[in-house]
Amino acid sequence: MRLFAAVLPPADAVRELAREVDLLQRMPGADALRWTGRPGWHFTLAFYGEVAEEIVPDLEARLGRAAHRTDPFPLSLHGGGHFGDRALWAGAAGDRETMRLLADRAGAAGRKAGVEMEEHRHYRPHLTVARSRASADFKPYVAALDAFAGTGWTVRELCLVRSNLPVSGVPREQPRYETVASWPLGAGDGTVPAGG
């Protein structure tokens, strides 16, 4: 299954960002971009890709320990940026150092469980809001996001998310994301089942 570790923003934060993204979608050239679906908005901590079923229990155990060793931390959606001419994202403010630590621990959990992962890079908290297949000028969108500052919340859990890629062939169909497990941050007492 195709998996990644993530921090999921709460519904209020998603609504605030959605209002901002609605304004961005009215800007010139916005129709050429592929805007990500609000139900799938997340901060990826570590991308694992296709993970063999037999590795998942060890990965989950290691992620549970990583969550247990990381205290809850404050976060908010703030500003934005872009990766080259292919992706536009909303950024984060708050305790970004603890978020980087959690991302490092989630990456280490994957590697120790035997997941073949890309080379470790410096983590930059971001939530992708749009992509472009062709070269795009994201500067006007980044400038519009510059003043965006969402309401803060406390990150209290680490989630393991399954990505179900589109298979229908319908243009602009979005991946579907399913939380398969989550763990409370700090001295919690174990796994919280998905949906519970």
C-alpha atoms as a PDB file:
ATOM      1  CA  MET A   1       0.000   0.000   0.000  1.00  0.00           C
ATOM      2  CA  ARG A   2       1.109   3.574  -0.698  1.00  0.00           C
ATOM      3  CA  LEU A   3       1.745   5.238   2.669  1.00  0.00           C
ATOM      4  CA  PHE A   4       3.033   8.424   4.276  1.00  0.00           C
ATOM      5  CA  ALA A   5       3.263   9.885   7.782  1.00  0.00           C
ATOM      6  CA  ALA A   6       1.452  13.175   8.259  1.00  0.00           C
ATOM      7  CA  VAL A   7       0.088  15.905  10.465  1.00  0.00           C
ATOM      8  CA  LEU A   8      -3.543  16.635   9.592  1.00  0.00           C
ATOM      9  CA  PRO A   9      -4.819  20.178  10.174  1.00  0.00           C
ATOM     10  CA  PRO A  10      -8.108  20.524  12.081  1.00  0.00           C
ATOM     11  CA  ALA A  11     -11.355  21.410  10.288  1.00  0.00           C
ATOM     12  CA  ASP A  12     -11.215  25.084  11.361  1.00  0.00           C
ATOM     13  CA  ALA A  13      -7.737  25.502   9.868  1.00  0.00           C
ATOM     14  CA  VAL A  14      -8.873  23.805   6.646  1.00  0.00           C
ATOM     15  CA  ARG A  15     -11.866  26.177   6.387  1.00  0.00           C
ATOM     16  CA  GLU A  16      -9.620  29.231   6.861  1.00  0.00           C
ATOM     17  CA  LEU A  17      -7.220  28.067   4.174  1.00  0.00           C
ATOM     18  CA  ALA A  18     -10.108  27.120   1.877  1.00  0.00           C
ATOM     19  CA  ARG A  19     -11.373  30.729   1.962  1.00  0.00           C
ATOM     20  CA  GLU A  20      -7.893  31.916   0.983  1.00  0.00           C
ATOM     21  CA  VAL A  21      -7.536  29.318  -1.780  1.00  0.00           C
ATOM     22  CA  ASP A  22     -10.965  30.298  -3.164  1.00  0.00           C
ATOM     23  CA  LEU A  23      -9.533  33.790  -3.721  1.00  0.00           C
ATOM     24  CA  LEU A  24      -6.401  32.364  -5.370  1.00  0.00           C
ATOM     25  CA  GLN A  25      -8.555  30.329  -7.751  1.00  0.00           C
ATOM     26  CA  ARG A  26     -10.083  33.571  -9.079  1.00  0.00           C
ATOM     27  CA  MET A  27      -6.688  34.955 -10.102  1.00  0.00           C
ATOM     28  CA  PRO A  28      -5.584  35.083 -13.764  1.00  0.00           C
ATOM     29  CA  GLY A  29      -4.152  31.761 -14.911  1.00  0.00           C
ATOM     30  CA  ALA A  30      -5.606  29.778 -11.997  1.00  0.00           C
ATOM     31  CA  ASP A  31      -7.616  27.540 -14.346  1.00  0.00           C
ATOM     32  CA  ALA A  32      -4.381  26.068 -15.701  1.00  0.00           C
ATOM     33  CA  LEU A  33      -3.385  24.782 -12.239  1.00  0.00           C
ATOM     34  CA  ARG A  34      -4.470  21.512 -10.622  1.00  0.00           C
ATOM     35  CA  TRP A  35      -5.825  22.527  -7.208  1.00  0.00           C
ATOM     36  CA  THR A  36      -5.590  19.894  -4.494  1.00  0.00           C
ATOM     37  CA  GLY A  37      -8.744  18.642  -2.780  1.00  0.00           C
ATOM     38  CA  ARG A  38      -9.526  20.034   0.652  1.00  0.00           C
ATOM     39  CA  PRO A  39     -10.271  16.600   2.178  1.00  0.00           C
ATOM     40  CA  GLY A  40      -6.702  15.592   1.397  1.00  0.00           C
ATOM     41  CA  TRP A  41      -4.888  18.629   2.808  1.00  0.00           C
ATOM     42  CA  HIS A  42      -2.054  17.506   5.055  1.00  0.00           C
ATOM     43  CA  PHE A  43       1.543  18.131   6.062  1.00  0.00           C
ATOM     44  CA  THR A  44       3.571  15.152   4.866  1.00  0.00           C
ATOM     45  CA  LEU A  45       6.263  14.253   7.403  1.00  0.00           C
ATOM     46  CA  ALA A  46       7.744  11.234   5.596  1.00  0.00           C
ATOM     47  CA  PHE A  47       6.694   9.653   2.299  1.00  0.00           C
ATOM     48  CA  TYR A  48       7.093   5.881   2.246  1.00  0.00           C
ATOM     49  CA  GLY A  49       5.656   5.034  -1.174  1.00  0.00           C
ATOM     50  CA  GLU A  50       4.578   1.459  -1.797  1.00  0.00           C
ATOM     51  CA  VAL A  51       5.052  -0.513   1.427  1.00  0.00           C
ATOM     52  CA  ALA A  52       4.796  -4.295   1.591  1.00  0.00           C
ATOM     53  CA  GLU A  53       2.044  -5.557   3.922  1.00  0.00           C
ATOM     54  CA  GLU A  54       4.536  -7.492   6.061  1.00  0.00           C
ATOM     55  CA  ILE A  55       6.484  -4.293   6.863  1.00  0.00           C
ATOM     56  CA  VAL A  56       3.450  -2.296   8.037  1.00  0.00           C
ATOM     57  CA  PRO A  57       3.230  -3.700  11.625  1.00  0.00           C
ATOM     58  CA  ASP A  58       6.892  -2.826  12.319  1.00  0.00           C
ATOM     59  CA  LEU A  59       6.443   0.613  10.724  1.00  0.00           C
ATOM     60  CA  GLU A  60       3.377   1.233  12.895  1.00  0.00           C
ATOM     61  CA  ALA A  61       5.201   0.174  16.063  1.00  0.00           C
ATOM     62  CA  ARG A  62       8.105   2.495  15.252  1.00  0.00           C
ATOM     63  CA  LEU A  63       5.787   5.407  14.451  1.00  0.00           C
ATOM     64  CA  GLY A  64       4.025   4.848  17.761  1.00  0.00           C
ATOM     65  CA  ARG A  65       7.363   5.162  19.587  1.00  0.00           C
ATOM     66  CA  ALA A  66       8.245   8.288  17.555  1.00  0.00           C
ATOM     67  CA  ALA A  67       4.938   9.898  18.549  1.00  0.00           C
ATOM     68  CA  HIS A  68       5.405   8.909  22.198  1.00  0.00           C
ATOM     69  CA  ARG A  69       8.834  10.632  22.251  1.00  0.00           C
ATOM     70  CA  THR A  70       7.515  13.880  20.698  1.00  0.00           C
ATOM     71  CA  ASP A  71       5.561  16.400  22.771  1.00  0.00           C
ATOM     72  CA  PRO A  72       2.440  18.119  21.369  1.00  0.00           C
ATOM     73  CA  PHE A  73       3.325  21.422  19.722  1.00  0.00           C
ATOM     74  CA  PRO A  74       1.649  24.621  18.457  1.00  0.00           C
ATOM     75  CA  LEU A  75       1.191  25.129  14.723  1.00  0.00           C
ATOM     76  CA  SER A  76      -0.748  27.346  12.325  1.00  0.00           C
ATOM     77  CA  LEU A  77      -1.038  27.750   8.585  1.00  0.00           C
ATOM     78  CA  HIS A  78       0.934  30.796   7.535  1.00  0.00           C
ATOM     79  CA  GLY A  79       2.057  32.349   4.260  1.00  0.00           C
ATOM     80  CA  GLY A  80       3.084  30.234   1.319  1.00  0.00           C
ATOM     81  CA  GLY A  81       5.723  29.418  -1.230  1.00  0.00           C
ATOM     82  CA  HIS A  82       6.480  27.279  -4.233  1.00  0.00           C
ATOM     83  CA  PHE A  83       8.763  24.482  -5.312  1.00  0.00           C
ATOM     84  CA  GLY A  84      10.150  25.606  -8.648  1.00  0.00           C
ATOM     85  CA  ASP A  85       7.454  26.032 -11.263  1.00  0.00           C
ATOM     86  CA  ARG A  86       5.485  22.884 -10.332  1.00  0.00           C
ATOM     87  CA  ALA A  87       3.905  23.248  -6.859  1.00  0.00           C
ATOM     88  CA  LEU A  88       2.287  25.984  -4.745  1.00  0.00           C
ATOM     89  CA  TRP A  89       2.003  25.486  -0.999  1.00  0.00           C
ATOM     90  CA  ALA A  90       0.793  27.043   2.240  1.00  0.00           C
ATOM     91  CA  GLY A  91       3.415  27.232   4.944  1.00  0.00           C
ATOM     92  CA  ALA A  92       3.428  26.789   8.693  1.00  0.00           C
ATOM     93  CA  ALA A  93       4.216  28.919  11.722  1.00  0.00           C
ATOM     94  CA  GLY A  94       4.622  27.815  15.316  1.00  0.00           C
ATOM     95  CA  ASP A  95       6.990  25.202  16.657  1.00  0.00           C
ATOM     96  CA  ARG A  96       8.514  24.227  13.318  1.00  0.00           C
ATOM     97  CA  GLU A  97      11.552  22.718  15.082  1.00  0.00           C
ATOM     98  CA  THR A  98       9.431  20.101  16.841  1.00  0.00           C
ATOM     99  CA  MET A  99       7.646  19.429  13.556  1.00  0.00           C
ATOM    100  CA  ARG A 100      11.031  18.882  11.868  1.00  0.00           C
ATOM    101  CA  LEU A 101      12.013  16.550  14.724  1.00  0.00           C
ATOM    102  CA  LEU A 102       8.781  14.572  14.246  1.00  0.00           C
ATOM    103  CA  ALA A 103       9.468  14.405  10.490  1.00  0.00           C
ATOM    104  CA  ASP A 104      12.998  13.128  11.165  1.00  0.00           C
ATOM    105  CA  ARG A 105      11.635  10.498  13.539  1.00  0.00           C
ATOM    106  CA  ALA A 106       8.942   9.430  11.035  1.00  0.00           C
ATOM    107  CA  GLY A 107      11.608   9.089   8.341  1.00  0.00           C
ATOM    108  CA  ALA A 108      13.863   7.082  10.643  1.00  0.00           C
ATOM    109  CA  ALA A 109      10.911   4.837  11.552  1.00  0.00           C
ATOM    110  CA  GLY A 110      10.443   4.033   7.868  1.00  0.00           C
ATOM    111  CA  ARG A 111      14.114   3.335   7.205  1.00  0.00           C
ATOM    112  CA  LYS A 112      14.464   1.127  10.327  1.00  0.00           C
ATOM    113  CA  ALA A 113      11.329  -0.810   9.338  1.00  0.00           C
ATOM    114  CA  GLY A 114      12.924  -1.564   5.974  1.00  0.00           C
ATOM    115  CA  VAL A 115      11.078   0.926   3.766  1.00  0.00           C
ATOM    116  CA  GLU A 116      13.186   2.009   0.794  1.00  0.00           C
ATOM    117  CA  MET A 117      13.036   5.786   0.979  1.00  0.00           C
ATOM    118  CA  GLU A 118      14.493   8.701  -0.922  1.00  0.00           C
ATOM    119  CA  GLU A 119      17.639  10.355   0.368  1.00  0.00           C
ATOM    120  CA  HIS A 120      17.014  12.331   3.567  1.00  0.00           C
ATOM    121  CA  ARG A 121      16.509  16.052   2.908  1.00  0.00           C
ATOM    122  CA  HIS A 122      16.023  19.082   5.140  1.00  0.00           C
ATOM    123  CA  TYR A 123      12.324  19.109   6.056  1.00  0.00           C
ATOM    124  CA  ARG A 124      10.262  22.178   5.141  1.00  0.00           C
ATOM    125  CA  PRO A 125       6.687  22.116   6.534  1.00  0.00           C
ATOM    126  CA  HIS A 126       4.269  22.736   3.677  1.00  0.00           C
ATOM    127  CA  LEU A 127       0.745  21.873   2.594  1.00  0.00           C
ATOM    128  CA  THR A 128       0.420  21.625  -1.200  1.00  0.00           C
ATOM    129  CA  VAL A 129      -2.549  23.581  -2.583  1.00  0.00           C
ATOM    130  CA  ALA A 130      -1.857  23.474  -6.349  1.00  0.00           C
ATOM    131  CA  ARG A 131       0.344  21.775  -8.919  1.00  0.00           C
ATOM    132  CA  SER A 132       1.157  22.423 -12.542  1.00  0.00           C
ATOM    133  CA  ARG A 133       2.113  19.939 -15.237  1.00  0.00           C
ATOM    134  CA  ALA A 134       3.643  22.730 -17.298  1.00  0.00           C
ATOM    135  CA  SER A 135       5.907  25.524 -16.127  1.00  0.00           C
ATOM    136  CA  ALA A 136       3.871  27.979 -13.997  1.00  0.00           C
ATOM    137  CA  ASP A 137       4.613  31.365 -12.464  1.00  0.00           C
ATOM    138  CA  PHE A 138       3.541  30.991  -8.840  1.00  0.00           C
ATOM    139  CA  LYS A 139       4.910  34.378  -7.699  1.00  0.00           C
ATOM    140  CA  PRO A 140       1.524  36.199  -7.794  1.00  0.00           C
ATOM    141  CA  TYR A 141      -0.074  33.418  -5.733  1.00  0.00           C
ATOM    142  CA  VAL A 142       2.764  33.429  -3.202  1.00  0.00           C
ATOM    143  CA  ALA A 143       2.430  37.212  -2.905  1.00  0.00           C
ATOM    144  CA  ALA A 144      -1.311  36.811  -2.287  1.00  0.00           C
ATOM    145  CA  LEU A 145      -0.621  34.183   0.417  1.00  0.00           C
ATOM    146  CA  ASP A 146       2.043  36.336   2.059  1.00  0.00           C
ATOM    147  CA  ALA A 147      -0.307  37.955   4.565  1.00  0.00           C
ATOM    148  CA  PHE A 148      -2.269  34.770   5.307  1.00  0.00           C
ATOM    149  CA  ALA A 149      -2.074  33.783   8.971  1.00  0.00           C
ATOM    150  CA  GLY A 150      -4.429  31.092  10.186  1.00  0.00           C
ATOM    151  CA  THR A 151      -5.596  30.450  13.728  1.00  0.00           C
ATOM    152  CA  GLY A 152      -3.209  28.280  15.715  1.00  0.00           C
ATOM    153  CA  TRP A 153      -3.899  24.816  17.073  1.00  0.00           C
ATOM    154  CA  THR A 154      -1.962  22.184  19.015  1.00  0.00           C
ATOM    155  CA  VAL A 155      -0.711  19.197  17.033  1.00  0.00           C
ATOM    156  CA  ARG A 156      -1.570  16.203  19.200  1.00  0.00           C
ATOM    157  CA  GLU A 157      -1.187  13.200  16.897  1.00  0.00           C
ATOM    158  CA  LEU A 158       0.915  11.566  14.232  1.00  0.00           C
ATOM    159  CA  CYS A 159      -1.026   9.849  11.438  1.00  0.00           C
ATOM    160  CA  LEU A 160      -0.167   7.062   9.025  1.00  0.00           C
ATOM    161  CA  VAL A 161      -2.098   7.751   5.827  1.00  0.00           C
ATOM    162  CA  ARG A 162      -2.820   5.554   2.834  1.00  0.00           C
ATOM    163  CA  SER A 163      -2.920   7.262  -0.553  1.00  0.00           C
ATOM    164  CA  ASN A 164      -5.360   5.735  -3.025  1.00  0.00           C
ATOM    165  CA  LEU A 165      -4.391   7.034  -6.456  1.00  0.00           C
ATOM    166  CA  PRO A 166      -7.076   7.824  -9.049  1.00  0.00           C
ATOM    167  CA  VAL A 167      -7.968   4.867 -11.263  1.00  0.00           C
ATOM    168  CA  SER A 168     -11.086   6.066 -13.094  1.00  0.00           C
ATOM    169  CA  GLY A 169      -9.271   8.121 -15.710  1.00  0.00           C
ATOM    170  CA  VAL A 170     -11.592  11.062 -15.003  1.00  0.00           C
ATOM    171  CA  PRO A 171      -9.668  14.308 -15.657  1.00  0.00           C
ATOM    172  CA  ARG A 172      -8.598  16.153 -12.488  1.00  0.00           C
ATOM    173  CA  GLU A 173      -9.675  13.282 -10.217  1.00  0.00           C
ATOM    174  CA  GLN A 174      -7.930  13.608  -6.849  1.00  0.00           C
ATOM    175  CA  PRO A 175      -6.197  10.897  -4.819  1.00  0.00           C
ATOM    176  CA  ARG A 176      -8.207   9.700  -1.817  1.00  0.00           C
ATOM    177  CA  TYR A 177      -6.509   9.642   1.556  1.00  0.00           C
ATOM    178  CA  GLU A 178      -7.383   7.264   4.376  1.00  0.00           C
ATOM    179  CA  THR A 179      -5.912   7.455   7.879  1.00  0.00           C
ATOM    180  CA  VAL A 180      -4.986   3.867   8.733  1.00  0.00           C
ATOM    181  CA  ALA A 181      -3.559   4.561  12.209  1.00  0.00           C
ATOM    182  CA  SER A 182      -2.758   7.476  14.493  1.00  0.00           C
ATOM    183  CA  TRP A 183      -0.829   7.917  17.709  1.00  0.00           C
ATOM    184  CA  PRO A 184      -1.083  10.616  20.369  1.00  0.00           C
ATOM    185  CA  LEU A 185       1.985  12.765  20.797  1.00  0.00           C
ATOM    186  CA  GLY A 186       3.751  12.712  24.129  1.00  0.00           C
ATOM    187  CA  ALA A 187       3.212  10.171  26.877  1.00  0.00           C
ATOM    188  CA  GLY A 188       0.138   8.652  25.244  1.00  0.00           C
ATOM    189  CA  ASP A 189      -0.845   5.033  25.699  1.00  0.00           C
ATOM    190  CA  GLY A 190      -0.775   3.612  22.199  1.00  0.00           C
ATOM    191  CA  THR A 191      -2.546   3.480  18.896  1.00  0.00           C
ATOM    192  CA  VAL A 192      -5.852   5.179  18.223  1.00  0.00           C
ATOM    193  CA  PRO A 193      -7.711   3.200  15.537  1.00  0.00           C
ATOM    194  CA  ALA A 194      -8.580   5.106  12.345  1.00  0.00           C
ATOM    195  CA  GLY A 195     -11.871   6.894  12.805  1.00  0.00           C
ATOM    196  CA  GLY A 196     -11.708   6.485  16.585  1.00  0.00           C
END
